[in-house]
Amino acid sequence: MPAVWQRRPYTERLIHALRHPVSEVRMGAIISLGNRREPQAAVPLAECALAHPVDVVQALAIVEAIHNIQPSPERDRALTLLADHPARAVRRAVVRALEAT
């Protein structure tokens, strides 16, 4: 791994991993970002769910991760983006996340 990459903040590297072609790598990043609870991850998480609309399991994990993020405008924006997700299960999870806040 190049030294310049290692100097990047860990959250930034996890956000970058959301674009990885392997779903297991993305899922690891999703779980880690949810655990870190950093608002800057909210919108990239939502974009990941929208980029892979057929992966409903991943999208549901993303809704949970976003729900775990500290309350912030970024979190609200991410949930708003996911309110139009193609999968009904994801849209319902977004409604539940919004009601719980």
C-alpha atoms as a PDB file:
ATOM      1  CA  MET A   1       0.000   0.000   0.000  1.00  0.00           C
ATOM      2  CA  PRO A   2       1.514   3.361  -1.002  1.00  0.00           C
ATOM      3  CA  ALA A   3       2.545   5.593   1.890  1.00  0.00           C
ATOM      4  CA  VAL A   4       0.417   8.461   0.584  1.00  0.00           C
ATOM      5  CA  TRP A   5      -2.688   6.240   0.852  1.00  0.00           C
ATOM      6  CA  GLN A   6      -1.799   5.222   4.424  1.00  0.00           C
ATOM      7  CA  ARG A   7      -1.661   8.881   5.472  1.00  0.00           C
ATOM      8  CA  ARG A   8      -5.295   9.437   4.466  1.00  0.00           C
ATOM      9  CA  PRO A   9      -7.774   9.444   7.341  1.00  0.00           C
ATOM     10  CA  TYR A  10      -9.326   6.039   7.982  1.00  0.00           C
ATOM     11  CA  THR A  11     -12.859   7.314   7.381  1.00  0.00           C
ATOM     12  CA  GLU A  12     -11.808   8.616   3.979  1.00  0.00           C
ATOM     13  CA  ARG A  13     -10.395   5.198   3.079  1.00  0.00           C
ATOM     14  CA  LEU A  14     -13.628   3.517   4.177  1.00  0.00           C
ATOM     15  CA  ILE A  15     -15.678   5.925   2.063  1.00  0.00           C
ATOM     16  CA  HIS A  16     -13.453   5.109  -0.896  1.00  0.00           C
ATOM     17  CA  ALA A  17     -14.108   1.388  -0.278  1.00  0.00           C
ATOM     18  CA  LEU A  18     -17.833   1.992  -0.865  1.00  0.00           C
ATOM     19  CA  ARG A  19     -16.994   2.090  -4.595  1.00  0.00           C
ATOM     20  CA  HIS A  20     -15.219  -1.285  -4.547  1.00  0.00           C
ATOM     21  CA  PRO A  21     -16.574  -3.800  -7.094  1.00  0.00           C
ATOM     22  CA  VAL A  22     -16.731  -6.628  -4.517  1.00  0.00           C
ATOM     23  CA  SER A  23     -19.871  -6.446  -2.380  1.00  0.00           C
ATOM     24  CA  GLU A  24     -18.181  -8.023   0.669  1.00  0.00           C
ATOM     25  CA  VAL A  25     -15.609  -5.211   0.708  1.00  0.00           C
ATOM     26  CA  ARG A  26     -18.390  -2.636   0.474  1.00  0.00           C
ATOM     27  CA  MET A  27     -20.290  -4.340   3.298  1.00  0.00           C
ATOM     28  CA  GLY A  28     -17.252  -4.218   5.558  1.00  0.00           C
ATOM     29  CA  ALA A  29     -16.916  -0.499   4.877  1.00  0.00           C
ATOM     30  CA  ILE A  30     -20.648   0.043   5.478  1.00  0.00           C
ATOM     31  CA  ILE A  31     -20.524  -1.657   8.875  1.00  0.00           C
ATOM     32  CA  SER A  32     -17.337   0.163   9.875  1.00  0.00           C
ATOM     33  CA  LEU A  33     -18.712   3.556   8.843  1.00  0.00           C
ATOM     34  CA  GLY A  34     -21.896   2.923  10.815  1.00  0.00           C
ATOM     35  CA  ASN A  35     -19.816   2.065  13.864  1.00  0.00           C
ATOM     36  CA  ARG A  36     -17.715   5.218  13.479  1.00  0.00           C
ATOM     37  CA  ARG A  37     -20.868   7.394  13.409  1.00  0.00           C
ATOM     38  CA  GLU A  38     -19.216  10.221  11.440  1.00  0.00           C
ATOM     39  CA  PRO A  39     -21.630  12.509   9.561  1.00  0.00           C
ATOM     40  CA  GLN A  40     -19.322  12.885   6.553  1.00  0.00           C
ATOM     41  CA  ALA A  41     -20.029   9.243   5.680  1.00  0.00           C
ATOM     42  CA  ALA A  42     -23.832   9.598   5.452  1.00  0.00           C
ATOM     43  CA  VAL A  43     -24.232  10.851   1.881  1.00  0.00           C
ATOM     44  CA  PRO A  44     -21.549   8.538   0.411  1.00  0.00           C
ATOM     45  CA  LEU A  45     -23.345   5.631   2.082  1.00  0.00           C
ATOM     46  CA  ALA A  46     -26.652   6.659   0.496  1.00  0.00           C
ATOM     47  CA  GLU A  47     -24.944   7.038  -2.881  1.00  0.00           C
ATOM     48  CA  CYS A  48     -23.566   3.507  -2.509  1.00  0.00           C
ATOM     49  CA  ALA A  49     -27.068   2.124  -1.934  1.00  0.00           C
ATOM     50  CA  LEU A  50     -28.373   3.965  -4.972  1.00  0.00           C
ATOM     51  CA  ALA A  51     -25.443   2.799  -7.108  1.00  0.00           C
ATOM     52  CA  HIS A  52     -26.339  -0.852  -6.347  1.00  0.00           C
ATOM     53  CA  PRO A  53     -30.157  -0.806  -6.261  1.00  0.00           C
ATOM     54  CA  VAL A  54     -30.597  -4.576  -6.609  1.00  0.00           C
ATOM     55  CA  ASP A  55     -28.510  -5.298  -3.490  1.00  0.00           C
ATOM     56  CA  VAL A  56     -31.309  -4.840  -0.974  1.00  0.00           C
ATOM     57  CA  VAL A  57     -29.399  -6.476   1.893  1.00  0.00           C
ATOM     58  CA  GLN A  58     -26.588  -3.989   1.423  1.00  0.00           C
ATOM     59  CA  ALA A  59     -29.042  -1.075   1.204  1.00  0.00           C
ATOM     60  CA  LEU A  60     -30.749  -2.131   4.438  1.00  0.00           C
ATOM     61  CA  ALA A  61     -27.347  -2.270   6.155  1.00  0.00           C
ATOM     62  CA  ILE A  62     -26.690   1.223   4.806  1.00  0.00           C
ATOM     63  CA  VAL A  63     -29.949   2.560   6.257  1.00  0.00           C
ATOM     64  CA  GLU A  64     -28.950   1.087   9.617  1.00  0.00           C
ATOM     65  CA  ALA A  65     -25.447   2.567   9.347  1.00  0.00           C
ATOM     66  CA  ILE A  66     -26.854   5.997   8.505  1.00  0.00           C
ATOM     67  CA  HIS A  67     -29.314   5.741  11.377  1.00  0.00           C
ATOM     68  CA  ASN A  68     -26.339   5.077  13.706  1.00  0.00           C
ATOM     69  CA  ILE A  69     -24.570   8.247  12.549  1.00  0.00           C
ATOM     70  CA  GLN A  70     -24.738  11.272  14.805  1.00  0.00           C
ATOM     71  CA  PRO A  71     -27.730  13.523  14.080  1.00  0.00           C
ATOM     72  CA  SER A  72     -26.651  16.020  11.444  1.00  0.00           C
ATOM     73  CA  PRO A  73     -27.772  17.688   8.213  1.00  0.00           C
ATOM     74  CA  GLU A  74     -25.681  15.111   6.313  1.00  0.00           C
ATOM     75  CA  ARG A  75     -27.576  12.238   7.934  1.00  0.00           C
ATOM     76  CA  ASP A  76     -30.917  13.880   7.130  1.00  0.00           C
ATOM     77  CA  ARG A  77     -29.851  14.418   3.505  1.00  0.00           C
ATOM     78  CA  ALA A  78     -28.749  10.790   3.166  1.00  0.00           C
ATOM     79  CA  LEU A  79     -32.068   9.480   4.481  1.00  0.00           C
ATOM     80  CA  THR A  80     -33.912  11.842   2.138  1.00  0.00           C
ATOM     81  CA  LEU A  81     -31.910  10.457  -0.802  1.00  0.00           C
ATOM     82  CA  LEU A  82     -32.797   6.896   0.194  1.00  0.00           C
ATOM     83  CA  ALA A  83     -36.488   7.692   0.565  1.00  0.00           C
ATOM     84  CA  ASP A  84     -36.692   7.197  -3.224  1.00  0.00           C
ATOM     85  CA  HIS A  85     -34.754   3.912  -3.328  1.00  0.00           C
ATOM     86  CA  PRO A  86     -36.247   1.436  -5.845  1.00  0.00           C
ATOM     87  CA  ALA A  87     -36.730  -1.282  -3.197  1.00  0.00           C
ATOM     88  CA  ARG A  88     -39.825  -0.951  -1.038  1.00  0.00           C
ATOM     89  CA  ALA A  89     -38.088  -2.640   1.921  1.00  0.00           C
ATOM     90  CA  VAL A  90     -35.422   0.062   1.862  1.00  0.00           C
ATOM     91  CA  ARG A  91     -37.987   2.861   1.645  1.00  0.00           C
ATOM     92  CA  ARG A  92     -39.818   1.372   4.633  1.00  0.00           C
ATOM     93  CA  ALA A  93     -36.568   1.132   6.616  1.00  0.00           C
ATOM     94  CA  VAL A  94     -35.935   4.807   5.872  1.00  0.00           C
ATOM     95  CA  VAL A  95     -39.378   5.730   7.197  1.00  0.00           C
ATOM     96  CA  ARG A  96     -38.696   3.753  10.398  1.00  0.00           C
ATOM     97  CA  ALA A  97     -35.281   5.441  10.777  1.00  0.00           C
ATOM     98  CA  LEU A  98     -36.843   8.865  10.351  1.00  0.00           C
ATOM     99  CA  GLU A  99     -39.564   8.077  12.880  1.00  0.00           C
ATOM    100  CA  ALA A 100     -36.971   6.901  15.420  1.00  0.00           C
ATOM    101  CA  THR A 101     -35.060  10.188  15.319  1.00  0.00           C
END
